[in-house]
Structures are given as C-alpha cells and as structure tokens.
Amino acid sequence: MGIDLQLHDGRPHWPSRRSKRKPTLIRQSFEHGEALAELIAKLPANTSGKLWMVDPYNDTTFNEQAAEAALREIPDLLDRCTDDAQVEAAEDLAAYLKDCATTPGSYLIFIGD
C-alpha cells in the first residue's frame, strides 16, 4: 500500500484522443508512498484536520484551500514519525502542500493503491 502525490495547476483531467485541454500535471512523487501511507494511517479519524481524510485505497483531491489547512498539520505529522523514511515522506508532503496552497487554482491528488 502506498500513496503517491500529483500536483496539478488546474482541475485535473485525464487526456484522451478527443480532449483539446492541455495536461495540468506540474510534478509528481512516487518515492515515499509506503511511508506516507503509514503516517496517514496513524492519524486519528474524525478530527478537524484534513489529512486523516486521505484514502490510502482511492484517490483524494485537495484544492488550494484544503492544502493550506493541511499544511498546518505537518508539525503533528512530523512528531508521529518513527524513522527517516517517514520524516522524508512528511517533508515531501509539506512541499507539495505548500506549492498547492500558493498556486491559485491548483489541486493536489493523493493517489491511493
């Protein structure tokens, strides 16, 4: 199980031969998927935060406002880290959340297995 990240500069769409819209993908991360999924699984459910809502088995989408709110949860997430891989995953997530929060109209997609 793992969670990969994709940052899009607009509403994501999956191109087809008929689509005339430009691809929206800015960048993606596949490096820390398992460690990120472990961290997300440790979060208490039904809190006021956003990160606990990330589904490790399906895709979850955050807009720039949700990313900004989730960015405030990073210090707690870092406190929950038990090894270097989880710290790297949390720092990678923080960078993606920050980029999403500061890019108008952007979306961060959590790709679950």
PDB file of N, CA and C in Angstrom:
ATOM      1  N   MET A   1       0.852  -1.183   0.000  1.00  0.00           N
ATOM      2  CA  MET A   1       0.000   0.000   0.000  1.00  0.00           C
ATOM      3  C   MET A   1       0.892   1.238   0.000  1.00  0.00           C
ATOM      4  N   GLY A   2       0.523   2.204  -0.767  1.00  0.00           N
ATOM      5  CA  GLY A   2       1.271   3.440  -0.815  1.00  0.00           C
ATOM      6  C   GLY A   2       0.392   4.573  -1.301  1.00  0.00           C
ATOM      7  N   ILE A   3       0.842   5.791  -1.053  1.00  0.00           N
ATOM      8  CA  ILE A   3       0.131   6.982  -1.513  1.00  0.00           C
ATOM      9  C   ILE A   3       1.128   7.831  -2.293  1.00  0.00           C
ATOM     10  N   ASP A   4       0.846   8.034  -3.569  1.00  0.00           N
ATOM     11  CA  ASP A   4       1.674   8.889  -4.406  1.00  0.00           C
ATOM     12  C   ASP A   4       1.021  10.262  -4.495  1.00  0.00           C
ATOM     13  N   LEU A   5       1.799  11.255  -4.890  1.00  0.00           N
ATOM     14  CA  LEU A   5       1.313  12.632  -4.953  1.00  0.00           C
ATOM     15  C   LEU A   5       1.417  13.174  -6.367  1.00  0.00           C
ATOM     16  N   GLN A   6       0.412  13.945  -6.775  1.00  0.00           N
ATOM     17  CA  GLN A   6       0.437  14.665  -8.048  1.00  0.00           C
ATOM     18  C   GLN A   6      -0.045  16.088  -7.804  1.00  0.00           C
ATOM     19  N   LEU A   7       0.708  17.055  -8.288  1.00  0.00           N
ATOM     20  CA  LEU A   7       0.321  18.459  -8.205  1.00  0.00           C
ATOM     21  C   LEU A   7      -0.090  18.922  -9.598  1.00  0.00           C
ATOM     22  N   HIS A   8      -1.292  19.483  -9.682  1.00  0.00           N
ATOM     23  CA  HIS A   8      -1.842  19.964 -10.956  1.00  0.00           C
ATOM     24  C   HIS A   8      -2.079  21.469 -10.854  1.00  0.00           C
ATOM     25  N   ASP A   9      -1.880  22.174 -11.973  1.00  0.00           N
ATOM     26  CA  ASP A   9      -2.086  23.622 -11.976  1.00  0.00           C
ATOM     27  C   ASP A   9      -3.529  24.019 -12.265  1.00  0.00           C
ATOM     28  N   GLY A  10      -4.380  23.059 -12.453  1.00  0.00           N
ATOM     29  CA  GLY A  10      -5.804  23.307 -12.695  1.00  0.00           C
ATOM     30  C   GLY A  10      -6.574  22.039 -12.401  1.00  0.00           C
ATOM     31  N   ARG A  11      -7.857  22.079 -12.636  1.00  0.00           N
ATOM     32  CA  ARG A  11      -8.670  20.886 -12.389  1.00  0.00           C
ATOM     33  C   ARG A  11      -8.123  19.727 -13.212  1.00  0.00           C
ATOM     34  N   PRO A  12      -7.750  18.652 -12.539  1.00  0.00           N
ATOM     35  CA  PRO A  12      -7.152  17.526 -13.265  1.00  0.00           C
ATOM     36  C   PRO A  12      -8.138  16.877 -14.227  1.00  0.00           C
ATOM     37  N   HIS A  13      -7.608  16.442 -15.333  1.00  0.00           N
ATOM     38  CA  HIS A  13      -8.383  15.651 -16.286  1.00  0.00           C
ATOM     39  C   HIS A  13      -7.413  14.651 -16.894  1.00  0.00           C
ATOM     40  N   TRP A  14      -7.947  13.599 -17.361  1.00  0.00           N
ATOM     41  CA  TRP A  14      -7.112  12.566 -17.952  1.00  0.00           C
ATOM     42  C   TRP A  14      -7.276  12.673 -19.463  1.00  0.00           C
ATOM     43  N   PRO A  15      -6.182  13.028 -20.160  1.00  0.00           N
ATOM     44  CA  PRO A  15      -6.273  13.286 -21.600  1.00  0.00           C
ATOM     45  C   PRO A  15      -6.748  12.072 -22.397  1.00  0.00           C
ATOM     46  N   SER A  16      -7.494  12.355 -23.414  1.00  0.00           N
ATOM     47  CA  SER A  16      -7.898  11.325 -24.366  1.00  0.00           C
ATOM     48  C   SER A  16      -7.589  11.859 -25.760  1.00  0.00           C
ATOM     49  N   ARG A  17      -7.818  11.046 -26.737  1.00  0.00           N
ATOM     50  CA  ARG A  17      -7.537  11.492 -28.106  1.00  0.00           C
ATOM     51  C   ARG A  17      -8.422  12.656 -28.502  1.00  0.00           C
ATOM     52  N   ARG A  18      -9.596  12.740 -27.918  1.00  0.00           N
ATOM     53  CA  ARG A  18     -10.553  13.786 -28.290  1.00  0.00           C
ATOM     54  C   ARG A  18     -10.385  15.066 -27.474  1.00  0.00           C
ATOM     55  N   SER A  19      -9.656  14.991 -26.374  1.00  0.00           N
ATOM     56  CA  SER A  19      -9.523  16.134 -25.488  1.00  0.00           C
ATOM     57  C   SER A  19      -8.636  17.217 -26.103  1.00  0.00           C
ATOM     58  N   LYS A  20      -9.097  18.437 -26.016  1.00  0.00           N
ATOM     59  CA  LYS A  20      -8.314  19.563 -26.515  1.00  0.00           C
ATOM     60  C   LYS A  20      -7.693  20.357 -25.364  1.00  0.00           C
ATOM     61  N   ARG A  21      -7.988  19.962 -24.131  1.00  0.00           N
ATOM     62  CA  ARG A  21      -7.423  20.652 -22.968  1.00  0.00           C
ATOM     63  C   ARG A  21      -5.968  20.251 -22.772  1.00  0.00           C
ATOM     64  N   LYS A  22      -5.185  21.196 -22.281  1.00  0.00           N
ATOM     65  CA  LYS A  22      -3.781  20.914 -22.010  1.00  0.00           C
ATOM     66  C   LYS A  22      -3.658  20.063 -20.748  1.00  0.00           C
ATOM     67  N   PRO A  23      -2.647  19.209 -20.685  1.00  0.00           N
ATOM     68  CA  PRO A  23      -2.386  18.477 -19.443  1.00  0.00           C
ATOM     69  C   PRO A  23      -2.108  19.465 -18.308  1.00  0.00           C
ATOM     70  N   THR A  24      -2.510  19.118 -17.105  1.00  0.00           N
ATOM     71  CA  THR A  24      -2.382  20.018 -15.972  1.00  0.00           C
ATOM     72  C   THR A  24      -1.305  19.602 -14.977  1.00  0.00           C
ATOM     73  N   LEU A  25      -0.693  18.448 -15.176  1.00  0.00           N
ATOM     74  CA  LEU A  25       0.284  17.934 -14.221  1.00  0.00           C
ATOM     75  C   LEU A  25       1.526  18.812 -14.168  1.00  0.00           C
ATOM     76  N   ILE A  26       1.874  19.265 -12.951  1.00  0.00           N
ATOM     77  CA  ILE A  26       3.093  20.043 -12.741  1.00  0.00           C
ATOM     78  C   ILE A  26       4.237  19.105 -12.363  1.00  0.00           C
ATOM     79  N   ARG A  27       4.006  18.282 -11.359  1.00  0.00           N
ATOM     80  CA  ARG A  27       5.012  17.311 -10.925  1.00  0.00           C
ATOM     81  C   ARG A  27       4.345  16.227 -10.105  1.00  0.00           C
ATOM     82  N   GLN A  28       5.089  15.145  -9.882  1.00  0.00           N
ATOM     83  CA  GLN A  28       4.545  14.035  -9.103  1.00  0.00           C
ATOM     84  C   GLN A  28       5.650  13.369  -8.302  1.00  0.00           C
ATOM     85  N   SER A  29       5.245  12.684  -7.237  1.00  0.00           N
ATOM     86  CA  SER A  29       6.182  11.994  -6.362  1.00  0.00           C
ATOM     87  C   SER A  29       5.707  10.570  -6.124  1.00  0.00           C
ATOM     88  N   PHE A  30       6.613   9.619  -6.375  1.00  0.00           N
ATOM     89  CA  PHE A  30       6.332   8.211  -6.128  1.00  0.00           C
ATOM     90  C   PHE A  30       7.292   7.626  -5.095  1.00  0.00           C
ATOM     91  N   GLU A  31       8.224   8.448  -4.611  1.00  0.00           N
ATOM     92  CA  GLU A  31       9.319   7.971  -3.772  1.00  0.00           C
ATOM     93  C   GLU A  31       8.915   7.525  -2.374  1.00  0.00           C
ATOM     94  N   HIS A  32       7.957   8.181  -1.778  1.00  0.00           N
ATOM     95  CA  HIS A  32       7.677   7.986  -0.353  1.00  0.00           C
ATOM     96  C   HIS A  32       6.292   7.402  -0.087  1.00  0.00           C
ATOM     97  N   GLY A  33       5.732   6.717  -1.063  1.00  0.00           N
ATOM     98  CA  GLY A  33       4.350   6.255  -0.974  1.00  0.00           C
ATOM     99  C   GLY A  33       4.035   5.395   0.227  1.00  0.00           C
ATOM    100  N   GLU A  34       4.862   4.396   0.499  1.00  0.00           N
ATOM    101  CA  GLU A  34       4.576   3.499   1.620  1.00  0.00           C
ATOM    102  C   GLU A  34       4.717   4.209   2.959  1.00  0.00           C
ATOM    103  N   ALA A  35       5.766   5.004   3.114  1.00  0.00           N
ATOM    104  CA  ALA A  35       5.972   5.725   4.372  1.00  0.00           C
ATOM    105  C   ALA A  35       4.850   6.742   4.601  1.00  0.00           C
ATOM    106  N   LEU A  36       4.407   7.395   3.536  1.00  0.00           N
ATOM    107  CA  LEU A  36       3.313   8.362   3.660  1.00  0.00           C
ATOM    108  C   LEU A  36       2.020   7.663   4.066  1.00  0.00           C
ATOM    109  N   ALA A  37       1.750   6.515   3.472  1.00  0.00           N
ATOM    110  CA  ALA A  37       0.544   5.758   3.835  1.00  0.00           C
ATOM    111  C   ALA A  37       0.596   5.336   5.305  1.00  0.00           C
ATOM    112  N   GLU A  38       1.763   4.923   5.793  1.00  0.00           N
ATOM    113  CA  GLU A  38       1.904   4.554   7.205  1.00  0.00           C
ATOM    114  C   GLU A  38       1.603   5.739   8.115  1.00  0.00           C
ATOM    115  N   LEU A  39       2.111   6.910   7.750  1.00  0.00           N
ATOM    116  CA  LEU A  39       1.863   8.108   8.555  1.00  0.00           C
ATOM    117  C   LEU A  39       0.390   8.497   8.569  1.00  0.00           C
ATOM    118  N   ILE A  40      -0.227   8.496   7.405  1.00  0.00           N
ATOM    119  CA  ILE A  40      -1.645   8.872   7.305  1.00  0.00           C
ATOM    120  C   ILE A  40      -2.499   7.906   8.134  1.00  0.00           C
ATOM    121  N   ALA A  41      -2.137   6.627   8.119  1.00  0.00           N
ATOM    122  CA  ALA A  41      -2.899   5.629   8.867  1.00  0.00           C
ATOM    123  C   ALA A  41      -2.835   5.868  10.374  1.00  0.00           C
ATOM    124  N   LYS A  42      -1.799   6.543  10.851  1.00  0.00           N
ATOM    125  CA  LYS A  42      -1.637   6.817  12.283  1.00  0.00           C
ATOM    126  C   LYS A  42      -2.513   7.971  12.776  1.00  0.00           C
ATOM    127  N   LEU A  43      -3.039   8.749  11.851  1.00  0.00           N
ATOM    128  CA  LEU A  43      -3.807   9.936  12.247  1.00  0.00           C
ATOM    129  C   LEU A  43      -5.169   9.557  12.798  1.00  0.00           C
ATOM    130  N   PRO A  44      -5.595  10.241  13.860  1.00  0.00           N
ATOM    131  CA  PRO A  44      -6.935   9.973  14.388  1.00  0.00           C
ATOM    132  C   PRO A  44      -8.005  10.438  13.401  1.00  0.00           C
ATOM    133  N   ALA A  45      -9.034   9.632  13.244  1.00  0.00           N
ATOM    134  CA  ALA A  45     -10.127   9.951  12.319  1.00  0.00           C
ATOM    135  C   ALA A  45     -11.109  10.929  12.951  1.00  0.00           C
ATOM    136  N   ASN A  46     -11.882  11.551  12.087  1.00  0.00           N
ATOM    137  CA  ASN A  46     -12.965  12.449  12.503  1.00  0.00           C
ATOM    138  C   ASN A  46     -12.476  13.612  13.349  1.00  0.00           C
ATOM    139  N   THR A  47     -11.332  14.178  12.978  1.00  0.00           N
ATOM    140  CA  THR A  47     -10.835  15.372  13.650  1.00  0.00           C
ATOM    141  C   THR A  47     -11.107  16.575  12.756  1.00  0.00           C
ATOM    142  N   SER A  48     -10.693  17.731  13.199  1.00  0.00           N
ATOM    143  CA  SER A  48     -10.915  18.928  12.395  1.00  0.00           C
ATOM    144  C   SER A  48      -9.879  19.059  11.284  1.00  0.00           C
ATOM    145  N   GLY A  49      -8.883  18.179  11.256  1.00  0.00           N
ATOM    146  CA  GLY A  49      -7.846  18.231  10.243  1.00  0.00           C
ATOM    147  C   GLY A  49      -8.317  17.712   8.893  1.00  0.00           C
ATOM    148  N   LYS A  50      -7.448  17.805   7.917  1.00  0.00           N
ATOM    149  CA  LYS A  50      -7.748  17.361   6.553  1.00  0.00           C
ATOM    150  C   LYS A  50      -7.049  16.051   6.204  1.00  0.00           C
ATOM    151  N   LEU A  51      -5.835  15.843   6.713  1.00  0.00           N
ATOM    152  CA  LEU A  51      -5.034  14.704   6.267  1.00  0.00           C
ATOM    153  C   LEU A  51      -5.642  13.353   6.621  1.00  0.00           C
ATOM    154  N   TRP A  52      -6.391  13.257   7.704  1.00  0.00           N
ATOM    155  CA  TRP A  52      -6.989  11.972   8.060  1.00  0.00           C
ATOM    156  C   TRP A  52      -7.994  11.517   7.006  1.00  0.00           C
ATOM    157  N   MET A  53      -8.480  12.441   6.179  1.00  0.00           N
ATOM    158  CA  MET A  53      -9.464  12.096   5.150  1.00  0.00           C
ATOM    159  C   MET A  53      -8.837  11.472   3.906  1.00  0.00           C
ATOM    160  N   VAL A  54      -7.500  11.468   3.819  1.00  0.00           N
ATOM    161  CA  VAL A  54      -6.844  10.868   2.655  1.00  0.00           C
ATOM    162  C   VAL A  54      -7.079   9.363   2.691  1.00  0.00           C
ATOM    163  N   ASP A  55      -7.631   8.847   1.608  1.00  0.00           N
ATOM    164  CA  ASP A  55      -7.957   7.426   1.494  1.00  0.00           C
ATOM    165  C   ASP A  55      -6.770   6.687   0.875  1.00  0.00           C
ATOM    166  N   PRO A  56      -6.154   5.748   1.616  1.00  0.00           N
ATOM    167  CA  PRO A  56      -4.982   5.045   1.077  1.00  0.00           C
ATOM    168  C   PRO A  56      -5.319   4.082  -0.062  1.00  0.00           C
ATOM    169  N   TYR A  57      -6.603   3.832  -0.307  1.00  0.00           N
ATOM    170  CA  TYR A  57      -7.013   2.871  -1.331  1.00  0.00           C
ATOM    171  C   TYR A  57      -7.648   3.525  -2.559  1.00  0.00           C
ATOM    172  N   ASN A  58      -7.964   4.788  -2.473  1.00  0.00           N
ATOM    173  CA  ASN A  58      -8.578   5.524  -3.583  1.00  0.00           C
ATOM    174  C   ASN A  58      -7.900   6.878  -3.720  1.00  0.00           C
ATOM    175  N   ASP A  59      -8.269   7.619  -4.732  1.00  0.00           N
ATOM    176  CA  ASP A  59      -7.700   8.947  -4.928  1.00  0.00           C
ATOM    177  C   ASP A  59      -8.447   9.966  -4.077  1.00  0.00           C
ATOM    178  N   THR A  60      -7.694  10.911  -3.532  1.00  0.00           N
ATOM    179  CA  THR A  60      -8.255  12.001  -2.736  1.00  0.00           C
ATOM    180  C   THR A  60      -7.716  13.301  -3.320  1.00  0.00           C
ATOM    181  N   THR A  61      -8.580  14.291  -3.480  1.00  0.00           N
ATOM    182  CA  THR A  61      -8.192  15.558  -4.092  1.00  0.00           C
ATOM    183  C   THR A  61      -8.318  16.696  -3.087  1.00  0.00           C
ATOM    184  N   PHE A  62      -7.269  17.519  -2.995  1.00  0.00           N
ATOM    185  CA  PHE A  62      -7.292  18.744  -2.194  1.00  0.00           C
ATOM    186  C   PHE A  62      -7.158  19.919  -3.145  1.00  0.00           C
ATOM    187  N   ASN A  63      -7.978  20.946  -2.935  1.00  0.00           N
ATOM    188  CA  ASN A  63      -7.779  22.202  -3.659  1.00  0.00           C
ATOM    189  C   ASN A  63      -6.805  23.050  -2.843  1.00  0.00           C
ATOM    190  N   GLU A  64      -6.547  24.266  -3.281  1.00  0.00           N
ATOM    191  CA  GLU A  64      -5.542  25.082  -2.592  1.00  0.00           C
ATOM    192  C   GLU A  64      -5.948  25.434  -1.161  1.00  0.00           C
ATOM    193  N   GLN A  65      -7.238  25.584  -0.877  1.00  0.00           N
ATOM    194  CA  GLN A  65      -7.671  25.898   0.479  1.00  0.00           C
ATOM    195  C   GLN A  65      -7.492  24.695   1.412  1.00  0.00           C
ATOM    196  N   ALA A  66      -7.831  23.507   0.940  1.00  0.00           N
ATOM    197  CA  ALA A  66      -7.638  22.295   1.750  1.00  0.00           C
ATOM    198  C   ALA A  66      -6.150  22.046   1.979  1.00  0.00           C
ATOM    199  N   ALA A  67      -5.330  22.305   0.964  1.00  0.00           N
ATOM    200  CA  ALA A  67      -3.876  22.133   1.104  1.00  0.00           C
ATOM    201  C   ALA A  67      -3.319  23.088   2.147  1.00  0.00           C
ATOM    202  N   GLU A  68      -3.809  24.315   2.150  1.00  0.00           N
ATOM    203  CA  GLU A  68      -3.354  25.291   3.144  1.00  0.00           C
ATOM    204  C   GLU A  68      -3.723  24.841   4.556  1.00  0.00           C
ATOM    205  N   ALA A  69      -4.929  24.338   4.725  1.00  0.00           N
ATOM    206  CA  ALA A  69      -5.356  23.838   6.040  1.00  0.00           C
ATOM    207  C   ALA A  69      -4.522  22.623   6.449  1.00  0.00           C
ATOM    208  N   ALA A  70      -4.263  21.709   5.516  1.00  0.00           N
ATOM    209  CA  ALA A  70      -3.489  20.504   5.817  1.00  0.00           C
ATOM    210  C   ALA A  70      -2.036  20.835   6.130  1.00  0.00           C
ATOM    211  N   LEU A  71      -1.528  21.893   5.566  1.00  0.00           N
ATOM    212  CA  LEU A  71      -0.147  22.298   5.828  1.00  0.00           C
ATOM    213  C   LEU A  71       0.088  22.576   7.317  1.00  0.00           C
ATOM    214  N   ARG A  72      -0.940  23.051   7.990  1.00  0.00           N
ATOM    215  CA  ARG A  72      -0.829  23.316   9.437  1.00  0.00           C
ATOM    216  C   ARG A  72      -0.725  22.028  10.256  1.00  0.00           C
ATOM    217  N   GLU A  73      -1.029  20.885   9.653  1.00  0.00           N
ATOM    218  CA  GLU A  73      -0.952  19.597  10.346  1.00  0.00           C
ATOM    219  C   GLU A  73       0.435  18.946  10.259  1.00  0.00           C
ATOM    220  N   ILE A  74       1.324  19.510   9.470  1.00  0.00           N
ATOM    221  CA  ILE A  74       2.637  18.906   9.256  1.00  0.00           C
ATOM    222  C   ILE A  74       3.456  18.789  10.555  1.00  0.00           C
ATOM    223  N   PRO A  75       3.492  19.796  11.431  1.00  0.00           N
ATOM    224  CA  PRO A  75       4.266  19.609  12.666  1.00  0.00           C
ATOM    225  C   PRO A  75       3.811  18.390  13.475  1.00  0.00           C
ATOM    226  N   ASP A  76       2.506  18.169  13.579  1.00  0.00           N
ATOM    227  CA  ASP A  76       1.993  16.991  14.286  1.00  0.00           C
ATOM    228  C   ASP A  76       2.387  15.711  13.560  1.00  0.00           C
ATOM    229  N   LEU A  77       2.327  15.747  12.243  1.00  0.00           N
ATOM    230  CA  LEU A  77       2.705  14.578  11.451  1.00  0.00           C
ATOM    231  C   LEU A  77       4.186  14.248  11.664  1.00  0.00           C
ATOM    232  N   LEU A  78       5.027  15.267  11.708  1.00  0.00           N
ATOM    233  CA  LEU A  78       6.453  15.046  11.949  1.00  0.00           C
ATOM    234  C   LEU A  78       6.695  14.456  13.337  1.00  0.00           C
ATOM    235  N   ASP A  79       5.888  14.864  14.322  1.00  0.00           N
ATOM    236  CA  ASP A  79       6.012  14.297  15.668  1.00  0.00           C
ATOM    237  C   ASP A  79       5.672  12.812  15.693  1.00  0.00           C
ATOM    238  N   ARG A  80       4.859  12.356  14.767  1.00  0.00           N
ATOM    239  CA  ARG A  80       4.444  10.954  14.707  1.00  0.00           C
ATOM    240  C   ARG A  80       5.439  10.060  13.947  1.00  0.00           C
ATOM    241  N   CYS A  81       6.421  10.662  13.300  1.00  0.00           N
ATOM    242  CA  CYS A  81       7.391   9.899  12.516  1.00  0.00           C
ATOM    243  C   CYS A  81       8.253   9.018  13.421  1.00  0.00           C
ATOM    244  N   THR A  82       8.476   7.781  12.967  1.00  0.00           N
ATOM    245  CA  THR A  82       9.277   6.841  13.742  1.00  0.00           C
ATOM    246  C   THR A  82      10.591   6.482  13.060  1.00  0.00           C
ATOM    247  N   ASP A  83      10.793   6.941  11.823  1.00  0.00           N
ATOM    248  CA  ASP A  83      12.060   6.668  11.135  1.00  0.00           C
ATOM    249  C   ASP A  83      12.317   7.734  10.072  1.00  0.00           C
ATOM    250  N   ASP A  84      13.505   7.686   9.483  1.00  0.00           N
ATOM    251  CA  ASP A  84      13.899   8.692   8.489  1.00  0.00           C
ATOM    252  C   ASP A  84      13.010   8.676   7.250  1.00  0.00           C
ATOM    253  N   ALA A  85      12.549   7.490   6.852  1.00  0.00           N
ATOM    254  CA  ALA A  85      11.682   7.401   5.672  1.00  0.00           C
ATOM    255  C   ALA A  85      10.385   8.170   5.895  1.00  0.00           C
ATOM    256  N   GLN A  86       9.828   8.088   7.090  1.00  0.00           N
ATOM    257  CA  GLN A  86       8.597   8.820   7.382  1.00  0.00           C
ATOM    258  C   GLN A  86       8.853  10.323   7.459  1.00  0.00           C
ATOM    259  N   VAL A  87       9.995  10.721   8.000  1.00  0.00           N
ATOM    260  CA  VAL A  87      10.342  12.150   8.034  1.00  0.00           C
ATOM    261  C   VAL A  87      10.443  12.685   6.608  1.00  0.00           C
ATOM    262  N   GLU A  88      11.121  11.942   5.736  1.00  0.00           N
ATOM    263  CA  GLU A  88      11.243  12.364   4.336  1.00  0.00           C
ATOM    264  C   GLU A  88       9.877  12.438   3.658  1.00  0.00           C
ATOM    265  N   ALA A  89       9.000  11.485   3.956  1.00  0.00           N
ATOM    266  CA  ALA A  89       7.654  11.490   3.382  1.00  0.00           C
ATOM    267  C   ALA A  89       6.871  12.713   3.847  1.00  0.00           C
ATOM    268  N   ALA A  90       6.965  13.035   5.132  1.00  0.00           N
ATOM    269  CA  ALA A  90       6.255  14.201   5.679  1.00  0.00           C
ATOM    270  C   ALA A  90       6.804  15.498   5.089  1.00  0.00           C
ATOM    271  N   GLU A  91       8.111  15.576   4.920  1.00  0.00           N
ATOM    272  CA  GLU A  91       8.709  16.780   4.335  1.00  0.00           C
ATOM    273  C   GLU A  91       8.336  16.930   2.862  1.00  0.00           C
ATOM    274  N   ASP A  92       8.293  15.815   2.139  1.00  0.00           N
ATOM    275  CA  ASP A  92       7.870  15.841   0.742  1.00  0.00           C
ATOM    276  C   ASP A  92       6.412  16.301   0.649  1.00  0.00           C
ATOM    277  N   LEU A  93       5.567  15.736   1.499  1.00  0.00           N
ATOM    278  CA  LEU A  93       4.164  16.144   1.534  1.00  0.00           C
ATOM    279  C   LEU A  93       4.041  17.632   1.844  1.00  0.00           C
ATOM    280  N   ALA A  94       4.818  18.117   2.803  1.00  0.00           N
ATOM    281  CA  ALA A  94       4.773  19.539   3.160  1.00  0.00           C
ATOM    282  C   ALA A  94       5.109  20.420   1.956  1.00  0.00           C
ATOM    283  N   ALA A  95       6.102  20.017   1.174  1.00  0.00           N
ATOM    284  CA  ALA A  95       6.485  20.798  -0.006  1.00  0.00           C
ATOM    285  C   ALA A  95       5.349  20.818  -1.035  1.00  0.00           C
ATOM    286  N   TYR A  96       4.706  19.673  -1.245  1.00  0.00           N
ATOM    287  CA  TYR A  96       3.581  19.614  -2.185  1.00  0.00           C
ATOM    288  C   TYR A  96       2.402  20.442  -1.679  1.00  0.00           C
ATOM    289  N   LEU A  97       2.102  20.343  -0.385  1.00  0.00           N
ATOM    290  CA  LEU A  97       1.000  21.130   0.180  1.00  0.00           C
ATOM    291  C   LEU A  97       1.278  22.622   0.051  1.00  0.00           C
ATOM    292  N   LYS A  98       2.513  23.024   0.330  1.00  0.00           N
ATOM    293  CA  LYS A  98       2.870  24.441   0.234  1.00  0.00           C
ATOM    294  C   LYS A  98       2.729  24.929  -1.200  1.00  0.00           C
ATOM    295  N   ASP A  99       3.239  24.144  -2.161  1.00  0.00           N
ATOM    296  CA  ASP A  99       3.133  24.547  -3.567  1.00  0.00           C
ATOM    297  C   ASP A  99       1.673  24.641  -4.011  1.00  0.00           C
ATOM    298  N   CYS A 100       0.853  23.709  -3.562  1.00  0.00           N
ATOM    299  CA  CYS A 100      -0.567  23.743  -3.905  1.00  0.00           C
ATOM    300  C   CYS A 100      -1.242  24.964  -3.271  1.00  0.00           C
ATOM    301  N   ALA A 101      -0.943  25.207  -1.999  1.00  0.00           N
ATOM    302  CA  ALA A 101      -1.575  26.314  -1.274  1.00  0.00           C
ATOM    303  C   ALA A 101      -1.210  27.674  -1.868  1.00  0.00           C
ATOM    304  N   THR A 102      -0.047  27.772  -2.478  1.00  0.00           N
ATOM    305  CA  THR A 102       0.409  29.059  -3.014  1.00  0.00           C
ATOM    306  C   THR A 102       0.238  29.184  -4.525  1.00  0.00           C
ATOM    307  N   THR A 103      -0.386  28.188  -5.164  1.00  0.00           N
ATOM    308  CA  THR A 103      -0.626  28.235  -6.603  1.00  0.00           C
ATOM    309  C   THR A 103      -2.131  28.335  -6.843  1.00  0.00           C
ATOM    310  N   PRO A 104      -2.623  29.519  -7.188  1.00  0.00           N
ATOM    311  CA  PRO A 104      -4.064  29.679  -7.397  1.00  0.00           C
ATOM    312  C   PRO A 104      -4.620  28.683  -8.420  1.00  0.00           C
ATOM    313  N   GLY A 105      -5.733  28.063  -8.067  1.00  0.00           N
ATOM    314  CA  GLY A 105      -6.412  27.139  -8.961  1.00  0.00           C
ATOM    315  C   GLY A 105      -5.813  25.742  -9.021  1.00  0.00           C
ATOM    316  N   SER A 106      -4.840  25.463  -8.174  1.00  0.00           N
ATOM    317  CA  SER A 106      -4.158  24.164  -8.241  1.00  0.00           C
ATOM    318  C   SER A 106      -4.875  23.094  -7.409  1.00  0.00           C
ATOM    319  N   TYR A 107      -4.498  21.849  -7.665  1.00  0.00           N
ATOM    320  CA  TYR A 107      -5.048  20.691  -6.958  1.00  0.00           C
ATOM    321  C   TYR A 107      -3.921  19.719  -6.633  1.00  0.00           C
ATOM    322  N   LEU A 108      -3.985  19.134  -5.450  1.00  0.00           N
ATOM    323  CA  LEU A 108      -3.059  18.080  -5.060  1.00  0.00           C
ATOM    324  C   LEU A 108      -3.853  16.791  -4.999  1.00  0.00           C
ATOM    325  N   ILE A 109      -3.393  15.786  -5.744  1.00  0.00           N
ATOM    326  CA  ILE A 109      -4.065  14.496  -5.797  1.00  0.00           C
ATOM    327  C   ILE A 109      -3.232  13.479  -5.025  1.00  0.00           C
ATOM    328  N   PHE A 110      -3.858  12.809  -4.085  1.00  0.00           N
ATOM    329  CA  PHE A 110      -3.254  11.692  -3.366  1.00  0.00           C
ATOM    330  C   PHE A 110      -3.719  10.441  -4.102  1.00  0.00           C
ATOM    331  N   ILE A 111      -2.799   9.716  -4.710  1.00  0.00           N
ATOM    332  CA  ILE A 111      -3.134   8.524  -5.487  1.00  0.00           C
ATOM    333  C   ILE A 111      -2.961   7.311  -4.589  1.00  0.00           C
ATOM    334  N   GLY A 112      -4.076   6.709  -4.174  1.00  0.00           N
ATOM    335  CA  GLY A 112      -4.029   5.526  -3.325  1.00  0.00           C
ATOM    336  C   GLY A 112      -3.939   4.265  -4.149  1.00  0.00           C
ATOM    337  N   ASP A 113      -3.415   3.220  -3.522  1.00  0.00           N
ATOM    338  CA  ASP A 113      -3.309   1.918  -4.210  1.00  0.00           C
ATOM    339  C   ASP A 113      -4.638   1.214  -4.248  1.00  0.00           C
TER     340      ASP A 113
END
